[in-house]
Structures are given as structure tokens and as C-alpha cells.
Amino acid sequence: MDAVTVYLVDEDNIFKGIGTVLSNQATPDMITVAPPVYSIDRGHHARWVNGSWVIELSPAGISDLWASIRKQRDSLLAATDWTQLADVKLTNAQLTAVTAYRTALRNIPQTYPDPTTVVWPTKPI
């Protein structure tokens, strides 16, 4: 009896691994392996949708991505903290641009509910 390699998925069609079954045990709902086989890490999972694998962020991956975004945002804000000091000589236009930039950085979580779509504002000075 020949063995057949199949993707193992849960009830939501989320990839759990690769297995082997005897060809007479294979059922029509099993997904036979077709390259490429995706490497899945803590932050991602693969879902079989309409005949192909779709790689998605897992809840842990989304949380990790938001943490990384917050760290980057905080670093960018810190890099412009000096512009907020009283003795800094900036033109009104420069101050307005920096204020808008810092506001855009602070508003990233509200502006981009999906962390994979964040577009960073351009630093004005």
C-alpha cells in the first residue's frame, strides 16, 4: 500500500503540520501536499482557502507586531523630543510640521487598526 503525504489542519483549516496516511485511508477532505510547504513560526499560521495556503498573523503575532510598532514609535518620538524644549529656535512652519509629525506618530494605533498596514509619517526636520 502506498503512503500519501497530507497537510494536517484543524476544524478551521489552520495548518498544524504534515502527516502521512496510507492511500486507502486518505479521504476527500484531506489536503494533499503540493509545494511549497510553508514554515510557520510563533507569529504566523497558514490557512487553506479556496485551494491555496494563506499566511496570516496569529493573535500572538499581532500582539508582537504592535509591541514592535510601539517601540519604533517611541523611538521616533524620542528623536524629536528636543524640538519641544523652550529654548529651541524653530520657525513657526518647522514647529507646526514637527507637531503634526509627533501627533501622527501618537495616533498610529487609532489610524491603523491593522498593524500590517502602518505607514510611518515622514520626519519633517
C-alpha atoms as a PDB file:
ATOM      1  CA  MET A   1       0.000   0.000   0.000  1.00  0.00           C
ATOM      2  CA  ASP A   2       1.340   3.444  -0.982  1.00  0.00           C
ATOM      3  CA  ALA A   3       1.635   6.269   1.520  1.00  0.00           C
ATOM      4  CA  VAL A   4       0.227   9.715   0.775  1.00  0.00           C
ATOM      5  CA  THR A   5       1.611  12.886   2.365  1.00  0.00           C
ATOM      6  CA  VAL A   6      -1.083  15.310   3.517  1.00  0.00           C
ATOM      7  CA  TYR A   7      -1.343  18.643   5.286  1.00  0.00           C
ATOM      8  CA  LEU A   8      -2.851  18.319   8.731  1.00  0.00           C
ATOM      9  CA  VAL A   9      -5.347  21.073   9.501  1.00  0.00           C
ATOM     10  CA  ASP A  10      -7.755  21.712  12.355  1.00  0.00           C
ATOM     11  CA  GLU A  11     -11.514  22.320  12.076  1.00  0.00           C
ATOM     12  CA  ASP A  12     -10.825  25.935  10.984  1.00  0.00           C
ATOM     13  CA  ASN A  13      -8.424  24.754   8.248  1.00  0.00           C
ATOM     14  CA  ILE A  14      -5.423  26.153  10.146  1.00  0.00           C
ATOM     15  CA  PHE A  15      -2.187  24.345   9.324  1.00  0.00           C
ATOM     16  CA  LYS A  16      -0.969  22.052  12.098  1.00  0.00           C
ATOM     17  CA  GLY A  17       1.690  20.010  10.340  1.00  0.00           C
ATOM     18  CA  ILE A  18       2.378  17.417   7.685  1.00  0.00           C
ATOM     19  CA  GLY A  19       1.461  13.797   8.032  1.00  0.00           C
ATOM     20  CA  THR A  20       1.436  10.564   6.101  1.00  0.00           C
ATOM     21  CA  VAL A  21      -1.513   8.228   5.651  1.00  0.00           C
ATOM     22  CA  LEU A  22      -1.944   5.072   3.637  1.00  0.00           C
ATOM     23  CA  SER A  23      -3.568   5.826   0.298  1.00  0.00           C
ATOM     24  CA  ASN A  24      -6.601   3.681   1.182  1.00  0.00           C
ATOM     25  CA  GLN A  25      -7.092   5.820   4.341  1.00  0.00           C
ATOM     26  CA  ALA A  26      -6.981   9.165   2.537  1.00  0.00           C
ATOM     27  CA  THR A  27     -10.322  10.936   2.486  1.00  0.00           C
ATOM     28  CA  PRO A  28     -11.515  13.616   0.022  1.00  0.00           C
ATOM     29  CA  ASP A  29     -11.289  16.330   2.706  1.00  0.00           C
ATOM     30  CA  MET A  30      -7.556  15.718   3.226  1.00  0.00           C
ATOM     31  CA  ILE A  31      -5.297  18.244   1.514  1.00  0.00           C
ATOM     32  CA  THR A  32      -2.505  16.503  -0.324  1.00  0.00           C
ATOM     33  CA  VAL A  33       0.888  18.150  -0.166  1.00  0.00           C
ATOM     34  CA  ALA A  34       1.851  20.413  -3.032  1.00  0.00           C
ATOM     35  CA  PRO A  35       4.995  22.551  -2.757  1.00  0.00           C
ATOM     36  CA  PRO A  36       5.893  24.918  -1.305  1.00  0.00           C
ATOM     37  CA  VAL A  37       5.487  23.873   2.298  1.00  0.00           C
ATOM     38  CA  TYR A  38       5.327  26.998   4.432  1.00  0.00           C
ATOM     39  CA  SER A  39       7.405  27.384   7.556  1.00  0.00           C
ATOM     40  CA  ILE A  40       5.150  28.587  10.356  1.00  0.00           C
ATOM     41  CA  ASP A  41       6.532  30.434  13.372  1.00  0.00           C
ATOM     42  CA  ARG A  42       5.030  31.770  16.610  1.00  0.00           C
ATOM     43  CA  GLY A  43       3.597  34.813  14.872  1.00  0.00           C
ATOM     44  CA  HIS A  44       2.043  33.224  11.799  1.00  0.00           C
ATOM     45  CA  HIS A  45      -0.208  30.431  10.736  1.00  0.00           C
ATOM     46  CA  ALA A  46      -1.347  29.146   7.377  1.00  0.00           C
ATOM     47  CA  ARG A  47      -4.972  28.600   6.400  1.00  0.00           C
ATOM     48  CA  TRP A  48      -6.166  26.602   3.388  1.00  0.00           C
ATOM     49  CA  VAL A  49      -8.540  28.893   1.464  1.00  0.00           C
ATOM     50  CA  ASN A  50     -10.004  28.131  -1.966  1.00  0.00           C
ATOM     51  CA  GLY A  51      -7.260  25.742  -2.969  1.00  0.00           C
ATOM     52  CA  SER A  52      -4.211  27.619  -1.684  1.00  0.00           C
ATOM     53  CA  TRP A  53      -2.422  28.485   1.530  1.00  0.00           C
ATOM     54  CA  VAL A  54      -2.962  31.919   3.016  1.00  0.00           C
ATOM     55  CA  ILE A  55      -0.386  33.037   5.609  1.00  0.00           C
ATOM     56  CA  GLU A  56      -1.961  35.033   8.415  1.00  0.00           C
ATOM     57  CA  LEU A  57      -0.767  36.659  11.598  1.00  0.00           C
ATOM     58  CA  SER A  58      -1.773  34.687  14.660  1.00  0.00           C
ATOM     59  CA  PRO A  59      -3.057  36.554  17.749  1.00  0.00           C
ATOM     60  CA  ALA A  60       0.448  36.228  19.229  1.00  0.00           C
ATOM     61  CA  GLY A  61       1.930  37.610  16.017  1.00  0.00           C
ATOM     62  CA  ILE A  62      -0.410  40.601  16.057  1.00  0.00           C
ATOM     63  CA  SER A  63       0.496  41.320  19.674  1.00  0.00           C
ATOM     64  CA  ASP A  64       4.220  41.059  18.861  1.00  0.00           C
ATOM     65  CA  LEU A  65       3.835  43.338  15.853  1.00  0.00           C
ATOM     66  CA  TRP A  66       2.014  46.004  17.898  1.00  0.00           C
ATOM     67  CA  ALA A  67       4.780  45.824  20.518  1.00  0.00           C
ATOM     68  CA  SER A  68       7.384  46.365  17.792  1.00  0.00           C
ATOM     69  CA  ILE A  69       5.403  49.273  16.338  1.00  0.00           C
ATOM     70  CA  ARG A  70       5.089  50.924  19.769  1.00  0.00           C
ATOM     71  CA  LYS A  71       8.831  50.555  20.333  1.00  0.00           C
ATOM     72  CA  GLN A  72       9.610  52.131  16.943  1.00  0.00           C
ATOM     73  CA  ARG A  73       7.061  54.921  17.525  1.00  0.00           C
ATOM     74  CA  ASP A  74       8.501  55.692  20.964  1.00  0.00           C
ATOM     75  CA  SER A  75      11.995  55.849  19.462  1.00  0.00           C
ATOM     76  CA  LEU A  76      10.843  58.245  16.724  1.00  0.00           C
ATOM     77  CA  LEU A  77       9.095  60.449  19.294  1.00  0.00           C
ATOM     78  CA  ALA A  78      12.198  60.493  21.491  1.00  0.00           C
ATOM     79  CA  ALA A  79      14.297  61.546  18.495  1.00  0.00           C
ATOM     80  CA  THR A  80      12.195  64.720  18.213  1.00  0.00           C
ATOM     81  CA  ASP A  81      11.775  65.481  21.926  1.00  0.00           C
ATOM     82  CA  TRP A  82      14.415  68.191  21.635  1.00  0.00           C
ATOM     83  CA  THR A  83      12.065  70.182  19.376  1.00  0.00           C
ATOM     84  CA  GLN A  84       9.711  70.682  22.308  1.00  0.00           C
ATOM     85  CA  LEU A  85      12.210  72.497  24.525  1.00  0.00           C
ATOM     86  CA  ALA A  86      11.521  76.180  25.166  1.00  0.00           C
ATOM     87  CA  ASP A  87      14.962  77.385  24.080  1.00  0.00           C
ATOM     88  CA  VAL A  88      14.952  75.635  20.689  1.00  0.00           C
ATOM     89  CA  LYS A  89      14.854  78.049  17.772  1.00  0.00           C
ATOM     90  CA  LEU A  90      12.424  76.697  15.187  1.00  0.00           C
ATOM     91  CA  THR A  91      10.370  78.655  12.701  1.00  0.00           C
ATOM     92  CA  ASN A  92       6.592  78.518  13.044  1.00  0.00           C
ATOM     93  CA  ALA A  93       6.460  76.310   9.939  1.00  0.00           C
ATOM     94  CA  GLN A  94       9.035  73.893  11.390  1.00  0.00           C
ATOM     95  CA  LEU A  95       7.237  73.760  14.746  1.00  0.00           C
ATOM     96  CA  THR A  96       3.898  73.128  13.021  1.00  0.00           C
ATOM     97  CA  ALA A  97       5.434  70.340  10.914  1.00  0.00           C
ATOM     98  CA  VAL A  98       7.089  68.680  13.919  1.00  0.00           C
ATOM     99  CA  THR A  99       3.879  68.920  15.955  1.00  0.00           C
ATOM    100  CA  ALA A 100       1.902  67.284  13.118  1.00  0.00           C
ATOM    101  CA  TYR A 101       4.548  64.561  12.802  1.00  0.00           C
ATOM    102  CA  ARG A 102       4.516  63.790  16.528  1.00  0.00           C
ATOM    103  CA  THR A 103       0.698  63.750  16.558  1.00  0.00           C
ATOM    104  CA  ALA A 104       0.664  61.332  13.610  1.00  0.00           C
ATOM    105  CA  LEU A 105       3.096  59.055  15.471  1.00  0.00           C
ATOM    106  CA  ARG A 106       0.957  59.090  18.610  1.00  0.00           C
ATOM    107  CA  ASN A 107      -2.182  58.345  16.571  1.00  0.00           C
ATOM    108  CA  ILE A 108      -0.812  55.303  14.737  1.00  0.00           C
ATOM    109  CA  PRO A 109      -2.907  52.757  16.723  1.00  0.00           C
ATOM    110  CA  GLN A 110      -6.104  54.716  16.028  1.00  0.00           C
ATOM    111  CA  THR A 111      -5.217  55.461  12.405  1.00  0.00           C
ATOM    112  CA  TYR A 112      -4.203  51.882  11.560  1.00  0.00           C
ATOM    113  CA  PRO A 113      -6.310  49.270  13.384  1.00  0.00           C
ATOM    114  CA  ASP A 114      -4.450  46.572  11.398  1.00  0.00           C
ATOM    115  CA  PRO A 115      -0.752  46.590  12.351  1.00  0.00           C
ATOM    116  CA  THR A 116       0.273  45.227   8.942  1.00  0.00           C
ATOM    117  CA  THR A 117      -0.929  48.420   7.230  1.00  0.00           C
ATOM    118  CA  VAL A 118       1.003  51.033   9.242  1.00  0.00           C
ATOM    119  CA  VAL A 119       2.600  53.740   7.123  1.00  0.00           C
ATOM    120  CA  TRP A 120       5.132  55.795   9.034  1.00  0.00           C
ATOM    121  CA  PRO A 121       4.929  59.587   8.708  1.00  0.00           C
ATOM    122  CA  THR A 122       7.935  61.355   7.217  1.00  0.00           C
ATOM    123  CA  LYS A 123      10.166  63.180   9.687  1.00  0.00           C
ATOM    124  CA  PRO A 124       9.986  66.883   8.802  1.00  0.00           C
ATOM    125  CA  ILE A 125      13.397  68.011  10.087  1.00  0.00           C
END
